[in-house]
N, C-alpha and C. Protein backbone atom coordinates (compact mmCIF):
# COMPACT_ATOMS: atom_id res chain seq x y z
N SER A 1 5.29 2.56 32.75
CA SER A 1 5.56 1.16 32.45
C SER A 1 4.49 0.38 31.19
N SER A 2 3.30 0.95 31.35
CA SER A 2 2.51 0.51 30.28
C SER A 2 2.58 1.36 29.30
N ASP A 3 2.81 2.49 29.14
CA ASP A 3 3.07 3.37 28.07
C ASP A 3 4.14 2.74 27.02
N LEU A 4 5.26 2.39 27.84
CA LEU A 4 6.41 1.93 27.18
C LEU A 4 6.06 0.62 26.55
N LEU A 5 5.34 -0.38 27.16
CA LEU A 5 4.88 -1.37 26.40
C LEU A 5 4.09 -1.32 25.23
N VAL A 6 3.14 -0.17 25.31
CA VAL A 6 2.21 0.17 24.00
C VAL A 6 3.16 0.67 22.98
N GLU A 7 4.19 1.61 23.38
CA GLU A 7 4.94 1.95 22.24
C GLU A 7 6.07 0.85 21.64
N ARG A 8 6.25 -0.04 22.50
CA ARG A 8 7.08 -1.10 21.77
C ARG A 8 6.26 -1.70 20.99
N THR A 9 4.99 -2.13 21.17
CA THR A 9 4.11 -2.86 20.54
C THR A 9 3.74 -2.41 19.13
N GLN A 10 3.48 -0.95 19.16
CA GLN A 10 3.36 -0.20 18.11
C GLN A 10 4.40 -0.13 17.09
N GLU A 11 5.96 -0.23 17.64
CA GLU A 11 7.13 -0.24 16.87
C GLU A 11 7.08 -1.63 16.08
N SER A 12 6.57 -2.47 17.05
CA SER A 12 6.72 -3.90 16.48
C SER A 12 5.88 -4.20 15.39
N ASN A 13 4.53 -3.44 15.70
CA ASN A 13 3.53 -3.58 14.50
C ASN A 13 4.15 -3.02 13.29
N LYS A 14 4.54 -1.80 13.61
CA LYS A 14 4.96 -1.10 12.35
C LYS A 14 6.03 -1.68 11.54
N SER A 15 7.02 -2.37 12.21
CA SER A 15 8.13 -3.05 11.49
C SER A 15 7.67 -4.39 10.91
N MET A 16 6.71 -5.11 11.37
CA MET A 16 5.95 -6.28 10.83
C MET A 16 5.37 -5.75 9.48
N GLN A 17 5.02 -4.57 9.34
CA GLN A 17 4.19 -4.23 8.21
C GLN A 17 5.19 -4.04 6.79
N GLN A 18 6.45 -3.85 7.37
CA GLN A 18 7.68 -4.03 6.22
C GLN A 18 7.94 -5.53 5.70
N VAL A 19 7.71 -6.38 6.66
CA VAL A 19 8.07 -7.66 6.18
C VAL A 19 6.88 -8.45 5.62
N SER A 20 6.82 -9.51 5.08
CA SER A 20 5.88 -10.39 4.85
C SER A 20 6.34 -11.93 4.66
N ARG A 21 5.39 -12.75 4.83
CA ARG A 21 5.65 -14.09 4.79
C ARG A 21 5.57 -14.63 3.26
N ALA A 22 6.31 -15.17 2.74
CA ALA A 22 6.36 -15.82 1.44
C ALA A 22 5.15 -16.46 1.15
N SER A 23 4.69 -17.24 1.91
CA SER A 23 3.31 -17.91 1.63
C SER A 23 2.24 -16.72 1.25
N LYS A 24 2.28 -15.60 1.76
CA LYS A 24 1.25 -14.47 1.85
C LYS A 24 1.50 -13.66 0.35
N ILE A 25 2.91 -13.84 -0.24
CA ILE A 25 3.27 -13.25 -1.56
C ILE A 25 3.01 -14.03 -2.53
N ILE A 26 3.42 -15.47 -2.52
CA ILE A 26 3.17 -16.18 -3.42
C ILE A 26 1.40 -16.33 -3.71
N GLY A 27 0.94 -16.33 -4.99
CA GLY A 27 -0.16 -16.30 -5.53
C GLY A 27 -0.86 -14.99 -5.45
N THR A 28 0.22 -13.76 -5.05
CA THR A 28 -0.38 -12.68 -5.23
C THR A 28 -0.47 -11.93 -6.85
N SER A 29 -1.39 -11.28 -7.05
CA SER A 29 -1.43 -10.69 -8.47
C SER A 29 -0.54 -9.79 -8.66
N VAL A 30 -0.10 -9.59 -10.11
CA VAL A 30 0.80 -8.57 -10.50
C VAL A 30 0.04 -7.65 -11.69
N LYS A 31 0.16 -6.60 -11.54
CA LYS A 31 -0.63 -5.62 -12.44
C LYS A 31 0.22 -4.76 -12.85
N ASN A 32 0.07 -3.86 -14.18
CA ASN A 32 0.67 -2.83 -14.43
C ASN A 32 0.17 -1.62 -14.05
N PRO A 33 0.72 -0.52 -14.41
CA PRO A 33 0.11 0.88 -13.74
C PRO A 33 -1.28 1.08 -14.21
N ASN A 34 -1.49 0.54 -15.41
CA ASN A 34 -2.72 0.79 -15.94
C ASN A 34 -4.02 -0.02 -15.38
N GLY A 35 -3.52 -0.99 -14.27
CA GLY A 35 -4.52 -1.90 -13.88
C GLY A 35 -4.88 -3.23 -14.32
N GLU A 36 -4.01 -3.32 -15.65
CA GLU A 36 -3.99 -4.59 -16.23
C GLU A 36 -3.44 -5.86 -15.57
N ASN A 37 -4.09 -6.98 -15.58
CA ASN A 37 -3.58 -8.05 -14.73
C ASN A 37 -2.70 -8.69 -15.55
N LEU A 38 -1.36 -8.98 -15.09
CA LEU A 38 -0.24 -9.42 -15.80
C LEU A 38 0.12 -10.88 -15.45
N GLY A 39 -0.43 -11.31 -14.36
CA GLY A 39 -0.10 -12.72 -13.95
C GLY A 39 -0.12 -12.95 -12.34
N ASP A 40 0.48 -13.92 -11.76
CA ASP A 40 0.64 -13.91 -10.39
C ASP A 40 1.86 -14.50 -9.96
N ILE A 41 2.19 -14.23 -8.73
CA ILE A 41 3.43 -14.84 -8.21
C ILE A 41 3.66 -16.17 -7.99
N LYS A 42 4.34 -17.13 -8.45
CA LYS A 42 4.38 -18.50 -8.34
C LYS A 42 5.41 -18.91 -7.34
N GLU A 43 6.62 -18.17 -7.30
CA GLU A 43 7.66 -18.64 -6.52
C GLU A 43 8.51 -17.40 -6.17
N LEU A 44 9.22 -17.67 -5.10
CA LEU A 44 10.27 -16.39 -4.76
C LEU A 44 11.71 -17.09 -4.70
N VAL A 45 12.67 -16.47 -5.37
CA VAL A 45 14.09 -17.03 -5.36
C VAL A 45 14.83 -16.17 -4.54
N LEU A 46 15.47 -16.84 -3.87
CA LEU A 46 16.52 -16.26 -2.55
C LEU A 46 17.90 -16.44 -3.09
N ASP A 47 18.55 -15.48 -2.73
CA ASP A 47 20.19 -15.60 -2.56
C ASP A 47 20.66 -16.23 -1.22
N PRO A 48 20.93 -17.46 -1.17
CA PRO A 48 21.24 -17.99 -0.17
C PRO A 48 22.47 -17.43 0.80
N GLU A 49 23.20 -16.68 0.03
CA GLU A 49 24.20 -15.98 0.81
C GLU A 49 23.92 -14.85 1.62
N SER A 50 23.00 -13.88 1.20
CA SER A 50 22.49 -12.79 1.57
C SER A 50 21.17 -13.06 2.03
N GLY A 51 20.48 -14.10 1.87
CA GLY A 51 19.16 -14.20 2.46
C GLY A 51 18.06 -13.39 1.73
N GLN A 52 18.19 -12.63 0.93
CA GLN A 52 17.24 -11.81 0.34
C GLN A 52 16.90 -12.16 -0.92
N VAL A 53 15.61 -11.82 -1.14
CA VAL A 53 14.75 -12.24 -2.34
C VAL A 53 15.24 -11.63 -3.54
N VAL A 54 15.59 -12.28 -4.49
CA VAL A 54 16.17 -11.82 -5.95
C VAL A 54 15.21 -11.80 -6.76
N TYR A 55 14.44 -12.62 -7.03
CA TYR A 55 13.27 -12.79 -8.20
C TYR A 55 12.03 -13.29 -7.60
N ALA A 56 11.24 -12.48 -8.27
CA ALA A 56 9.75 -13.05 -8.18
C ALA A 56 9.51 -14.11 -9.47
N VAL A 57 9.04 -15.38 -9.48
CA VAL A 57 8.93 -15.98 -10.68
C VAL A 57 7.29 -15.93 -10.92
N ILE A 58 6.92 -15.28 -12.04
CA ILE A 58 5.72 -14.98 -12.23
C ILE A 58 5.14 -15.64 -13.58
N SER A 59 3.96 -16.20 -13.28
CA SER A 59 3.36 -16.71 -14.49
C SER A 59 2.40 -15.82 -14.97
N PHE A 60 2.56 -15.62 -16.43
CA PHE A 60 1.48 -14.53 -17.27
C PHE A 60 0.47 -15.38 -17.65
N GLY A 61 0.09 -16.50 -17.20
CA GLY A 61 -1.14 -17.35 -17.75
C GLY A 61 -1.01 -17.41 -19.23
N GLY A 62 -2.31 -17.40 -19.90
CA GLY A 62 -2.45 -17.53 -21.25
C GLY A 62 -2.13 -16.61 -21.90
N VAL A 63 -1.81 -15.33 -21.21
CA VAL A 63 -1.68 -13.92 -21.85
C VAL A 63 -0.60 -14.28 -23.02
N LEU A 64 -1.00 -13.72 -24.21
CA LEU A 64 -0.19 -13.82 -25.45
C LEU A 64 0.40 -14.97 -25.65
N GLY A 65 -0.20 -16.26 -25.42
CA GLY A 65 0.22 -17.56 -25.58
C GLY A 65 1.43 -17.95 -24.95
N LEU A 66 1.75 -17.29 -23.68
CA LEU A 66 2.72 -17.59 -22.92
C LEU A 66 2.45 -18.61 -21.91
N GLY A 67 1.55 -19.34 -21.88
CA GLY A 67 1.12 -20.03 -20.90
C GLY A 67 2.18 -21.22 -20.11
N ASN A 68 3.15 -21.50 -20.99
CA ASN A 68 4.31 -22.50 -20.39
C ASN A 68 5.36 -21.86 -20.11
N LYS A 69 5.27 -20.45 -20.06
CA LYS A 69 6.66 -19.80 -19.58
C LYS A 69 6.42 -19.10 -18.19
N PHE A 70 7.51 -19.09 -17.62
CA PHE A 70 7.61 -18.39 -16.25
C PHE A 70 8.47 -17.24 -16.68
N PHE A 71 8.46 -16.27 -15.89
CA PHE A 71 9.40 -14.92 -15.93
C PHE A 71 9.79 -14.75 -14.69
N ALA A 72 11.20 -14.46 -14.49
CA ALA A 72 11.85 -14.15 -13.21
C ALA A 72 11.98 -12.72 -13.28
N VAL A 73 11.40 -12.08 -12.28
CA VAL A 73 11.07 -10.38 -12.26
C VAL A 73 11.85 -10.03 -11.14
N PRO A 74 13.05 -9.15 -11.39
CA PRO A 74 13.81 -8.81 -10.38
C PRO A 74 12.70 -8.14 -9.11
N TRP A 75 13.04 -8.36 -8.05
CA TRP A 75 12.19 -8.32 -6.86
C TRP A 75 12.26 -6.64 -6.93
N LYS A 76 13.31 -5.83 -7.07
CA LYS A 76 13.29 -4.62 -6.80
C LYS A 76 12.43 -3.83 -7.74
N VAL A 77 11.90 -4.40 -8.93
CA VAL A 77 11.25 -3.59 -9.92
C VAL A 77 9.68 -3.90 -9.46
N LEU A 78 9.42 -4.77 -8.52
CA LEU A 78 7.78 -5.19 -8.26
C LEU A 78 7.72 -3.93 -7.01
N HIS A 79 6.52 -3.43 -7.19
CA HIS A 79 6.25 -2.46 -5.90
C HIS A 79 4.79 -2.83 -5.39
N TRP A 80 4.98 -2.90 -4.12
CA TRP A 80 3.61 -3.45 -3.21
C TRP A 80 2.70 -2.01 -3.18
N THR A 81 1.40 -2.42 -3.67
CA THR A 81 0.43 -1.52 -3.56
C THR A 81 -0.17 -1.09 -2.10
N ARG A 82 -0.42 0.16 -1.86
CA ARG A 82 -0.84 0.54 -0.56
C ARG A 82 -1.93 -0.16 0.25
N ASP A 83 -2.99 -0.85 -0.80
CA ASP A 83 -3.86 -1.62 -0.28
C ASP A 83 -3.75 -3.10 0.04
N LYS A 84 -2.37 -3.36 -0.56
CA LYS A 84 -1.60 -4.51 -0.25
C LYS A 84 -2.36 -5.92 -1.04
N GLU A 85 -3.23 -5.29 -2.05
CA GLU A 85 -3.93 -6.37 -2.77
C GLU A 85 -3.12 -7.01 -4.02
N HIS A 86 -2.00 -6.25 -4.48
CA HIS A 86 -1.45 -6.89 -5.86
C HIS A 86 -0.06 -5.93 -5.75
N TYR A 87 0.84 -6.65 -6.59
CA TYR A 87 2.10 -5.90 -6.74
C TYR A 87 2.12 -5.24 -8.11
N VAL A 88 2.76 -4.09 -8.34
CA VAL A 88 2.85 -3.34 -9.53
C VAL A 88 3.87 -3.50 -10.34
N LEU A 89 3.99 -3.86 -11.53
CA LEU A 89 5.25 -4.09 -12.17
C LEU A 89 4.98 -3.10 -13.65
N ASN A 90 5.96 -2.14 -13.49
CA ASN A 90 5.83 -1.04 -14.51
C ASN A 90 6.33 -1.54 -16.10
N VAL A 91 5.63 -2.33 -16.62
CA VAL A 91 5.71 -2.80 -18.06
C VAL A 91 4.50 -2.74 -18.48
N ASP A 92 4.62 -2.59 -19.91
CA ASP A 92 3.66 -2.85 -20.92
C ASP A 92 3.23 -4.31 -21.05
N LYS A 93 2.04 -4.61 -21.13
CA LYS A 93 1.68 -5.87 -21.37
C LYS A 93 2.25 -6.54 -22.60
N THR A 94 2.06 -5.68 -23.57
CA THR A 94 2.63 -6.51 -24.85
C THR A 94 4.08 -6.59 -25.03
N LEU A 95 4.82 -5.76 -24.24
CA LEU A 95 6.36 -6.24 -24.08
C LEU A 95 6.71 -7.51 -23.50
N LEU A 96 5.75 -7.89 -22.57
CA LEU A 96 6.11 -9.12 -21.88
C LEU A 96 6.63 -10.29 -22.69
N LYS A 97 5.90 -10.42 -23.94
CA LYS A 97 6.43 -11.47 -24.90
C LYS A 97 7.95 -11.59 -25.11
N ASP A 98 8.70 -10.24 -24.87
CA ASP A 98 10.18 -10.22 -25.16
C ASP A 98 10.95 -10.27 -23.87
N ALA A 99 10.26 -10.56 -22.75
CA ALA A 99 11.02 -10.48 -21.52
C ALA A 99 11.57 -12.04 -21.28
N PRO A 100 12.90 -11.71 -20.79
CA PRO A 100 13.52 -13.07 -20.52
C PRO A 100 12.70 -14.04 -19.74
N GLY A 101 12.53 -15.28 -19.98
CA GLY A 101 11.75 -16.12 -19.13
C GLY A 101 12.39 -17.67 -19.34
N PHE A 102 11.55 -18.57 -19.02
CA PHE A 102 11.99 -20.06 -19.23
C PHE A 102 10.72 -20.86 -18.95
N ASP A 103 10.96 -22.08 -19.66
CA ASP A 103 9.68 -22.97 -19.48
C ASP A 103 9.64 -23.80 -18.25
N LYS A 104 8.32 -23.24 -17.72
CA LYS A 104 8.20 -23.93 -16.09
C LYS A 104 8.29 -25.35 -16.11
N LYS A 105 8.82 -26.09 -16.86
CA LYS A 105 9.20 -27.51 -16.46
C LYS A 105 10.90 -27.48 -16.52
N HIS A 106 11.35 -26.60 -17.14
CA HIS A 106 12.88 -26.29 -17.26
C HIS A 106 13.42 -25.07 -16.51
N TRP A 107 13.47 -25.28 -15.33
CA TRP A 107 14.08 -24.11 -14.57
C TRP A 107 15.51 -23.81 -14.73
N PRO A 108 16.19 -22.56 -14.79
CA PRO A 108 17.59 -22.81 -14.70
C PRO A 108 18.08 -23.45 -13.34
N ASP A 109 18.85 -24.41 -13.75
CA ASP A 109 19.52 -25.39 -12.80
C ASP A 109 20.85 -25.26 -12.25
N CYS A 110 21.64 -24.19 -12.68
CA CYS A 110 22.73 -23.92 -11.82
C CYS A 110 23.12 -22.47 -12.04
N SER A 111 24.01 -22.09 -11.05
CA SER A 111 24.36 -20.74 -10.96
C SER A 111 24.84 -19.81 -12.38
N ASN A 112 25.39 -20.65 -13.08
CA ASN A 112 25.70 -20.15 -14.38
C ASN A 112 24.37 -19.52 -15.18
N LYS A 113 23.65 -20.47 -15.11
CA LYS A 113 22.48 -20.07 -15.83
C LYS A 113 21.56 -19.05 -15.25
N TRP A 114 21.62 -18.93 -13.92
CA TRP A 114 21.09 -17.81 -13.12
C TRP A 114 21.54 -16.65 -13.39
N ASP A 115 22.95 -16.70 -13.32
CA ASP A 115 23.83 -15.50 -13.90
C ASP A 115 23.56 -15.01 -15.37
N GLN A 116 23.26 -15.84 -16.25
CA GLN A 116 23.21 -15.30 -17.60
C GLN A 116 21.75 -14.72 -17.68
N LEU A 117 20.72 -15.35 -16.85
CA LEU A 117 19.42 -14.95 -16.59
C LEU A 117 19.39 -13.35 -16.11
N SER A 118 20.24 -13.39 -15.02
CA SER A 118 20.33 -11.95 -14.34
C SER A 118 20.62 -10.97 -15.15
N GLU A 119 21.60 -11.36 -16.13
CA GLU A 119 22.33 -10.24 -16.93
C GLU A 119 21.30 -9.72 -18.14
N GLU A 120 20.27 -10.75 -18.62
CA GLU A 120 19.29 -10.33 -19.39
C GLU A 120 18.17 -9.68 -18.65
N LEU A 121 17.98 -10.03 -17.44
CA LEU A 121 16.85 -9.26 -16.71
C LEU A 121 17.33 -7.85 -16.40
N ASN A 122 18.42 -7.74 -16.18
CA ASN A 122 18.87 -6.34 -15.50
C ASN A 122 19.05 -5.44 -16.83
N GLN A 123 19.28 -6.02 -18.08
CA GLN A 123 19.16 -5.19 -19.33
C GLN A 123 17.81 -5.01 -19.83
N PHE A 124 16.93 -6.00 -19.60
CA PHE A 124 15.29 -5.86 -19.97
C PHE A 124 14.83 -4.71 -19.13
N TYR A 125 15.08 -4.85 -17.77
CA TYR A 125 14.23 -3.97 -16.69
C TYR A 125 15.06 -2.63 -16.59
N GLY A 126 16.05 -2.42 -17.19
CA GLY A 126 16.84 -1.32 -16.95
C GLY A 126 17.60 -0.92 -15.42
N ILE A 127 17.96 -2.34 -15.16
CA ILE A 127 18.63 -2.34 -13.65
C ILE A 127 19.98 -2.22 -13.71
N THR A 128 20.89 -1.30 -13.15
CA THR A 128 22.20 -1.43 -12.97
C THR A 128 22.72 -2.10 -11.69
N PRO A 129 23.39 -3.21 -11.80
CA PRO A 129 23.66 -4.31 -10.81
C PRO A 129 24.40 -3.62 -9.71
């Protein structure tokens, strides 16, 4: 009986490693594979129907003069590092200036704008929907 309890606890702990609270993800840094800091996660955008995270909104700070711009990065192109210190986005820092984004004071405010942004993002990051 105690062996079964230990096994269940281990399974539960293992499954918890596959999930994370939004508050733990927001603020996490994003780097490219070369270890260059690209910015940090400011917000998570959810699909209210599926409950899935669709985008991470990243501020790339003062990088390349983009301090006032936020970038919605498709969640599936971000990779969690083993040490769980940061996420990896496989994009060259210089290409970010061409990434689809929006002014941090003017978020896409309707589903049509998100749909349009989604198409641009899929094209930029090479994702087939």
